[in-house]
Amino acid sequence: GAAIAVVNADKTAGVVITLNCETDFVGMNESFVKMAFDMANLALNFNSKEEFLAADFNGMTVADKLIEQTGVIGEKLEVRSFERIEGAFVGSYIHSGNKIATLVALSANVDGAEEASRNVAMQAAAMNPIALNEAGVDAAIVEKEIEIAKEQLRAEGKPEAMLDNISKGKIQRFYKDNTLVNQDFIKDGSMNVAAYVKSVDAGLTVTGFKRVALG
């Protein structure tokens, strides 16, 4: 299949989709990739996967086009992922081979926003964060991580009274590893992603991201 990210002309909205097939042979075919890009550009005009699948694509709906091409190609085609983001500035990145595609929204359209958004989008592709920041992590995940940390500490013989404080430190490490703005910036490990963005412009922040991958 192909994971595709596209951004509108004024860089204020973007969409990522995956057009899935059954074999790499089809997924790497030039006409298949072109169709994926054509569909992604159409998807920019819609807010949901359902609206997009019902939209006109060269005289038939996207859903019907997928059925038609399934018959032509001999493999089931499916738009499995559809994610949209809006922001003051939106950038994108598609990993080589169209296996992963990401979008990143920044808080302002400033000098350097294009490069910064691409670098952060590359970060999201490579490091697969589960959320933008601490607030975006599901409470159930945090609770589970705390319990895992406490069990590990008990196994190490740490006193029960110390578990809460030590597990809080482990949760901070979890946030650092798994939330985009707190991750070490892959191009310069001396700073995290939030600090990198501020180095481009003091008032700049990452306001959102979307990541889709095949499989």
C-alpha atoms as a PDB file:
ATOM      1  CA  GLY A   1       0.000   0.000   0.000  1.00  0.00           C
ATOM      2  CA  ALA A   2       0.927   3.672   0.227  1.00  0.00           C
ATOM      3  CA  ALA A   3       0.845   6.117   3.134  1.00  0.00           C
ATOM      4  CA  ILE A   4       0.419   9.642   1.757  1.00  0.00           C
ATOM      5  CA  ALA A   5       0.465  13.089   3.386  1.00  0.00           C
ATOM      6  CA  VAL A   6      -0.690  16.230   1.578  1.00  0.00           C
ATOM      7  CA  VAL A   7      -1.068  19.845   2.696  1.00  0.00           C
ATOM      8  CA  ASN A   8      -3.253  22.601   1.197  1.00  0.00           C
ATOM      9  CA  ALA A   9      -1.791  25.564  -0.693  1.00  0.00           C
ATOM     10  CA  ASP A  10      -1.770  27.977   2.256  1.00  0.00           C
ATOM     11  CA  LYS A  11      -0.304  25.361   4.648  1.00  0.00           C
ATOM     12  CA  THR A  12      -3.172  25.547   7.123  1.00  0.00           C
ATOM     13  CA  ALA A  13      -4.604  22.026   6.752  1.00  0.00           C
ATOM     14  CA  GLY A  14      -3.371  18.591   5.842  1.00  0.00           C
ATOM     15  CA  VAL A  15      -4.565  15.030   5.413  1.00  0.00           C
ATOM     16  CA  VAL A  16      -2.820  11.684   5.744  1.00  0.00           C
ATOM     17  CA  ILE A  17      -4.327   8.520   4.275  1.00  0.00           C
ATOM     18  CA  THR A  18      -3.257   4.954   3.672  1.00  0.00           C
ATOM     19  CA  LEU A  19      -4.407   3.270   0.482  1.00  0.00           C
ATOM     20  CA  ASN A  20      -3.930  -0.407   1.238  1.00  0.00           C
ATOM     21  CA  CYS A  21      -3.537  -3.311  -1.164  1.00  0.00           C
ATOM     22  CA  GLU A  22      -2.370  -6.916  -0.689  1.00  0.00           C
ATOM     23  CA  THR A  23       1.159  -7.023  -2.147  1.00  0.00           C
ATOM     24  CA  ASP A  24       4.255  -4.798  -2.337  1.00  0.00           C
ATOM     25  CA  PHE A  25       4.267  -5.373  -6.090  1.00  0.00           C
ATOM     26  CA  VAL A  26       1.022  -3.402  -6.430  1.00  0.00           C
ATOM     27  CA  GLY A  27       1.852  -0.971  -3.616  1.00  0.00           C
ATOM     28  CA  MET A  28       5.051   0.176  -5.349  1.00  0.00           C
ATOM     29  CA  ASN A  29       3.456   0.461  -8.785  1.00  0.00           C
ATOM     30  CA  GLU A  30       3.684   4.006 -10.155  1.00  0.00           C
ATOM     31  CA  SER A  31       0.027   4.208 -11.199  1.00  0.00           C
ATOM     32  CA  PHE A  32      -1.107   2.914  -7.787  1.00  0.00           C
ATOM     33  CA  VAL A  33       0.986   5.539  -5.971  1.00  0.00           C
ATOM     34  CA  LYS A  34      -0.388   8.245  -8.305  1.00  0.00           C
ATOM     35  CA  MET A  35      -3.942   7.151  -7.494  1.00  0.00           C
ATOM     36  CA  ALA A  36      -3.096   7.326  -3.771  1.00  0.00           C
ATOM     37  CA  PHE A  37      -1.810  10.901  -4.184  1.00  0.00           C
ATOM     38  CA  ASP A  38      -4.866  11.868  -6.263  1.00  0.00           C
ATOM     39  CA  MET A  39      -7.144  10.474  -3.560  1.00  0.00           C
ATOM     40  CA  ALA A  40      -5.207  12.231  -0.784  1.00  0.00           C
ATOM     41  CA  ASN A  41      -5.489  15.569  -2.591  1.00  0.00           C
ATOM     42  CA  LEU A  42      -9.240  15.015  -2.904  1.00  0.00           C
ATOM     43  CA  ALA A  43      -9.399  14.044   0.786  1.00  0.00           C
ATOM     44  CA  LEU A  44      -8.118  17.520   1.707  1.00  0.00           C
ATOM     45  CA  ASN A  45     -11.622  18.823   1.010  1.00  0.00           C
ATOM     46  CA  PHE A  46     -13.327  16.640   3.620  1.00  0.00           C
ATOM     47  CA  ASN A  47     -13.407  16.301   7.396  1.00  0.00           C
ATOM     48  CA  SER A  48     -14.120  12.578   7.697  1.00  0.00           C
ATOM     49  CA  LYS A  49     -13.341   9.311   5.986  1.00  0.00           C
ATOM     50  CA  GLU A  50     -17.063   8.751   5.369  1.00  0.00           C
ATOM     51  CA  GLU A  51     -17.454  12.075   3.523  1.00  0.00           C
ATOM     52  CA  PHE A  52     -14.328  11.352   1.522  1.00  0.00           C
ATOM     53  CA  LEU A  53     -15.433   7.843   0.462  1.00  0.00           C
ATOM     54  CA  ALA A  54     -18.751   9.302  -0.754  1.00  0.00           C
ATOM     55  CA  ALA A  55     -17.035  12.065  -2.780  1.00  0.00           C
ATOM     56  CA  ASP A  56     -16.820  12.170  -6.572  1.00  0.00           C
ATOM     57  CA  PHE A  57     -13.616  10.743  -8.039  1.00  0.00           C
ATOM     58  CA  ASN A  58     -13.580  11.010 -11.842  1.00  0.00           C
ATOM     59  CA  GLY A  59     -17.291  10.315 -12.229  1.00  0.00           C
ATOM     60  CA  MET A  60     -17.808   7.777  -9.444  1.00  0.00           C
ATOM     61  CA  THR A  61     -17.508   7.794  -5.676  1.00  0.00           C
ATOM     62  CA  VAL A  62     -14.165   7.033  -4.062  1.00  0.00           C
ATOM     63  CA  ALA A  63     -15.734   3.891  -2.571  1.00  0.00           C
ATOM     64  CA  ASP A  64     -16.884   2.727  -6.023  1.00  0.00           C
ATOM     65  CA  LYS A  65     -13.466   3.545  -7.514  1.00  0.00           C
ATOM     66  CA  LEU A  66     -11.859   1.249  -4.941  1.00  0.00           C
ATOM     67  CA  ILE A  67     -14.260  -1.544  -5.909  1.00  0.00           C
ATOM     68  CA  GLU A  68     -13.593  -0.936  -9.613  1.00  0.00           C
ATOM     69  CA  GLN A  69      -9.819  -0.986  -9.142  1.00  0.00           C
ATOM     70  CA  THR A  70     -10.059  -4.115  -6.992  1.00  0.00           C
ATOM     71  CA  GLY A  71     -11.552  -5.814 -10.062  1.00  0.00           C
ATOM     72  CA  VAL A  72      -8.938  -4.353 -12.404  1.00  0.00           C
ATOM     73  CA  ILE A  73      -5.893  -5.086 -10.237  1.00  0.00           C
ATOM     74  CA  GLY A  74      -7.099  -8.323  -8.694  1.00  0.00           C
ATOM     75  CA  GLU A  75      -6.302  -7.247  -5.127  1.00  0.00           C
ATOM     76  CA  LYS A  76      -8.593  -5.736  -2.498  1.00  0.00           C
ATOM     77  CA  LEU A  77      -8.015  -1.978  -2.207  1.00  0.00           C
ATOM     78  CA  GLU A  78      -9.041  -0.082   0.896  1.00  0.00           C
ATOM     79  CA  VAL A  79      -8.582   3.387   2.408  1.00  0.00           C
ATOM     80  CA  ARG A  80      -7.745   2.178   5.901  1.00  0.00           C
ATOM     81  CA  SER A  81      -6.506   5.392   7.526  1.00  0.00           C
ATOM     82  CA  PHE A  82      -7.804   8.952   7.201  1.00  0.00           C
ATOM     83  CA  GLU A  83      -6.518  11.692   9.515  1.00  0.00           C
ATOM     84  CA  ARG A  84      -6.896  15.447   9.152  1.00  0.00           C
ATOM     85  CA  ILE A  85      -5.183  18.303  10.974  1.00  0.00           C
ATOM     86  CA  GLU A  86      -5.462  22.094  10.880  1.00  0.00           C
ATOM     87  CA  GLY A  87      -3.155  24.756  12.274  1.00  0.00           C
ATOM     88  CA  ALA A  88      -1.465  28.108  11.743  1.00  0.00           C
ATOM     89  CA  PHE A  89       1.191  26.209   9.759  1.00  0.00           C
ATOM     90  CA  VAL A  90       1.033  22.562   8.701  1.00  0.00           C
ATOM     91  CA  GLY A  91       3.973  20.587   7.334  1.00  0.00           C
ATOM     92  CA  SER A  92       4.316  16.998   6.162  1.00  0.00           C
ATOM     93  CA  TYR A  93       6.736  14.132   5.659  1.00  0.00           C
ATOM     94  CA  ILE A  94       6.464  10.857   3.746  1.00  0.00           C
ATOM     95  CA  HIS A  95       9.023   8.187   4.607  1.00  0.00           C
ATOM     96  CA  SER A  96      10.821   6.563   1.667  1.00  0.00           C
ATOM     97  CA  GLY A  97       8.744   3.849   0.071  1.00  0.00           C
ATOM     98  CA  ASN A  98       5.494   5.501   1.227  1.00  0.00           C
ATOM     99  CA  LYS A  99       5.351   3.284   4.332  1.00  0.00           C
ATOM    100  CA  ILE A 100       4.823   6.071   6.907  1.00  0.00           C
ATOM    101  CA  ALA A 101       3.316   9.555   6.485  1.00  0.00           C
ATOM    102  CA  THR A 102       3.054  12.325   9.064  1.00  0.00           C
ATOM    103  CA  LEU A 103       1.616  15.810   9.507  1.00  0.00           C
ATOM    104  CA  VAL A 104       2.679  18.406  12.076  1.00  0.00           C
ATOM    105  CA  ALA A 105       0.852  21.628  13.010  1.00  0.00           C
ATOM    106  CA  LEU A 106       2.749  24.619  14.408  1.00  0.00           C
ATOM    107  CA  SER A 107       1.366  27.599  16.309  1.00  0.00           C
ATOM    108  CA  ALA A 108       2.486  30.248  13.778  1.00  0.00           C
ATOM    109  CA  ASN A 109       3.656  30.735  10.204  1.00  0.00           C
ATOM    110  CA  VAL A 110       7.106  32.175  10.898  1.00  0.00           C
ATOM    111  CA  ASP A 111      10.444  32.167   9.085  1.00  0.00           C
ATOM    112  CA  GLY A 112      11.731  28.614   9.275  1.00  0.00           C
ATOM    113  CA  ALA A 113       8.304  27.050   9.837  1.00  0.00           C
ATOM    114  CA  GLU A 114       8.585  24.917   6.688  1.00  0.00           C
ATOM    115  CA  GLU A 115      11.848  23.285   7.749  1.00  0.00           C
ATOM    116  CA  ALA A 116      10.815  23.023  11.399  1.00  0.00           C
ATOM    117  CA  SER A 117       7.517  21.322  10.600  1.00  0.00           C
ATOM    118  CA  ARG A 118       9.250  18.867   8.272  1.00  0.00           C
ATOM    119  CA  ASN A 119      11.899  18.041  10.877  1.00  0.00           C
ATOM    120  CA  VAL A 120       9.274  17.447  13.551  1.00  0.00           C
ATOM    121  CA  ALA A 121       7.209  15.388  11.098  1.00  0.00           C
ATOM    122  CA  MET A 122      10.311  13.269  10.438  1.00  0.00           C
ATOM    123  CA  GLN A 123      10.693  12.876  14.210  1.00  0.00           C
ATOM    124  CA  ALA A 124       7.107  11.636  14.521  1.00  0.00           C
ATOM    125  CA  ALA A 125       7.659   9.175  11.669  1.00  0.00           C
ATOM    126  CA  ALA A 126      10.854   7.782  13.191  1.00  0.00           C
ATOM    127  CA  MET A 127       9.974   7.759  16.898  1.00  0.00           C
ATOM    128  CA  ASN A 128       6.227   6.970  16.778  1.00  0.00           C
ATOM    129  CA  PRO A 129       5.096   9.014  19.812  1.00  0.00           C
ATOM    130  CA  ILE A 130       1.788   8.030  21.394  1.00  0.00           C
ATOM    131  CA  ALA A 131       0.728  11.638  22.093  1.00  0.00           C
ATOM    132  CA  LEU A 132       1.756  15.264  21.592  1.00  0.00           C
ATOM    133  CA  ASN A 133       2.433  15.895  25.302  1.00  0.00           C
ATOM    134  CA  GLU A 134       1.601  14.620  28.791  1.00  0.00           C
ATOM    135  CA  ALA A 135      -1.992  15.873  28.577  1.00  0.00           C
ATOM    136  CA  GLY A 136      -2.617  13.734  25.507  1.00  0.00           C
ATOM    137  CA  VAL A 137      -1.697  10.421  27.128  1.00  0.00           C
ATOM    138  CA  ASP A 138      -4.697   8.317  28.100  1.00  0.00           C
ATOM    139  CA  ALA A 139      -5.085   8.110  31.892  1.00  0.00           C
ATOM    140  CA  ALA A 140      -5.432   4.322  31.673  1.00  0.00           C
ATOM    141  CA  ILE A 141      -2.012   4.081  30.033  1.00  0.00           C
ATOM    142  CA  VAL A 142      -0.468   6.210  32.792  1.00  0.00           C
ATOM    143  CA  GLU A 143      -2.075   4.051  35.494  1.00  0.00           C
ATOM    144  CA  LYS A 144      -0.783   0.895  33.814  1.00  0.00           C
ATOM    145  CA  GLU A 145       2.752   2.313  33.565  1.00  0.00           C
ATOM    146  CA  ILE A 146       2.668   3.289  37.260  1.00  0.00           C
ATOM    147  CA  GLU A 147       1.609  -0.235  38.237  1.00  0.00           C
ATOM    148  CA  ILE A 148       4.346  -1.774  36.068  1.00  0.00           C
ATOM    149  CA  ALA A 149       6.918   0.546  37.650  1.00  0.00           C
ATOM    150  CA  LYS A 150       5.741  -0.303  41.171  1.00  0.00           C
ATOM    151  CA  GLU A 151       5.865  -4.045  40.499  1.00  0.00           C
ATOM    152  CA  GLN A 152       9.418  -3.708  39.192  1.00  0.00           C
ATOM    153  CA  LEU A 153      10.409  -1.718  42.283  1.00  0.00           C
ATOM    154  CA  ARG A 154       8.808  -4.272  44.623  1.00  0.00           C
ATOM    155  CA  ALA A 155      10.729  -7.029  42.824  1.00  0.00           C
ATOM    156  CA  GLU A 156      13.913  -5.043  43.458  1.00  0.00           C
ATOM    157  CA  GLY A 157      13.072  -4.938  47.176  1.00  0.00           C
ATOM    158  CA  LYS A 158      12.345  -1.192  47.392  1.00  0.00           C
ATOM    159  CA  PRO A 159      10.309  -0.156  50.477  1.00  0.00           C
ATOM    160  CA  GLU A 160       6.589   0.427  49.855  1.00  0.00           C
ATOM    161  CA  ALA A 161       6.841   4.000  51.193  1.00  0.00           C
ATOM    162  CA  MET A 162       9.282   4.917  48.412  1.00  0.00           C
ATOM    163  CA  LEU A 163       7.274   3.465  45.516  1.00  0.00           C
ATOM    164  CA  ASP A 164       5.144   6.528  44.749  1.00  0.00           C
ATOM    165  CA  ASN A 165       8.082   8.918  44.470  1.00  0.00           C
ATOM    166  CA  ILE A 166      10.249   6.568  42.412  1.00  0.00           C
ATOM    167  CA  SER A 167       7.377   5.625  40.101  1.00  0.00           C
ATOM    168  CA  LYS A 168       6.715   9.332  39.448  1.00  0.00           C
ATOM    169  CA  GLY A 169      10.266   9.579  38.122  1.00  0.00           C
ATOM    170  CA  LYS A 170       9.671   6.579  35.893  1.00  0.00           C
ATOM    171  CA  ILE A 171       6.495   8.177  34.529  1.00  0.00           C
ATOM    172  CA  GLN A 172       8.446  11.324  33.649  1.00  0.00           C
ATOM    173  CA  ARG A 173      10.851   9.080  31.729  1.00  0.00           C
ATOM    174  CA  PHE A 174       7.860   7.467  29.997  1.00  0.00           C
ATOM    175  CA  TYR A 175       6.623  10.918  28.905  1.00  0.00           C
ATOM    176  CA  LYS A 176      10.116  11.811  27.653  1.00  0.00           C
ATOM    177  CA  ASP A 177      10.298   8.674  25.528  1.00  0.00           C
ATOM    178  CA  ASN A 178       6.716   8.604  24.256  1.00  0.00           C
ATOM    179  CA  THR A 179       5.365  12.160  23.840  1.00  0.00           C
ATOM    180  CA  LEU A 180       6.455  14.124  20.792  1.00  0.00           C
ATOM    181  CA  VAL A 181       7.429  17.473  22.336  1.00  0.00           C
ATOM    182  CA  ASN A 182       9.368  15.804  25.174  1.00  0.00           C
ATOM    183  CA  GLN A 183      11.355  13.368  23.027  1.00  0.00           C
ATOM    184  CA  ASP A 184      15.030  14.046  22.376  1.00  0.00           C
ATOM    185  CA  PHE A 185      15.260  15.749  18.988  1.00  0.00           C
ATOM    186  CA  ILE A 186      16.730  13.147  16.609  1.00  0.00           C
ATOM    187  CA  LYS A 187      18.872  15.713  14.776  1.00  0.00           C
ATOM    188  CA  ASP A 188      20.330  17.163  17.989  1.00  0.00           C
ATOM    189  CA  GLY A 189      20.093  15.063  21.145  1.00  0.00           C
ATOM    190  CA  SER A 190      21.113  18.004  23.338  1.00  0.00           C
ATOM    191  CA  MET A 191      17.542  19.339  23.224  1.00  0.00           C
ATOM    192  CA  ASN A 192      14.004  17.999  23.102  1.00  0.00           C
ATOM    193  CA  VAL A 193      11.542  18.691  20.284  1.00  0.00           C
ATOM    194  CA  ALA A 194       9.842  21.574  22.139  1.00  0.00           C
ATOM    195  CA  ALA A 195      13.220  23.289  22.630  1.00  0.00           C
ATOM    196  CA  TYR A 196      14.165  22.728  18.982  1.00  0.00           C
ATOM    197  CA  VAL A 197      10.965  24.433  17.804  1.00  0.00           C
ATOM    198  CA  LYS A 198      11.609  27.358  20.173  1.00  0.00           C
ATOM    199  CA  SER A 199      15.121  27.671  18.716  1.00  0.00           C
ATOM    200  CA  VAL A 200      13.450  28.453  15.370  1.00  0.00           C
ATOM    201  CA  ASP A 201      11.199  31.099  16.942  1.00  0.00           C
ATOM    202  CA  ALA A 202      10.851  31.820  20.666  1.00  0.00           C
ATOM    203  CA  GLY A 203       7.051  31.787  20.556  1.00  0.00           C
ATOM    204  CA  LEU A 204       6.681  28.697  18.353  1.00  0.00           C
ATOM    205  CA  THR A 205       5.056  25.496  19.627  1.00  0.00           C
ATOM    206  CA  VAL A 206       3.851  22.215  18.153  1.00  0.00           C
ATOM    207  CA  THR A 207       0.055  22.154  18.363  1.00  0.00           C
ATOM    208  CA  GLY A 208      -0.652  18.723  16.891  1.00  0.00           C
ATOM    209  CA  PHE A 209       0.470  15.819  14.759  1.00  0.00           C
ATOM    210  CA  LYS A 210      -0.939  12.863  12.843  1.00  0.00           C
ATOM    211  CA  ARG A 211       0.960   9.716  11.873  1.00  0.00           C
ATOM    212  CA  VAL A 212      -0.211   6.818   9.721  1.00  0.00           C
ATOM    213  CA  ALA A 213       1.720   3.698   8.755  1.00  0.00           C
ATOM    214  CA  LEU A 214       1.102   0.604   6.677  1.00  0.00           C
ATOM    215  CA  GLY A 215       0.378  -2.600   8.546  1.00  0.00           C
END
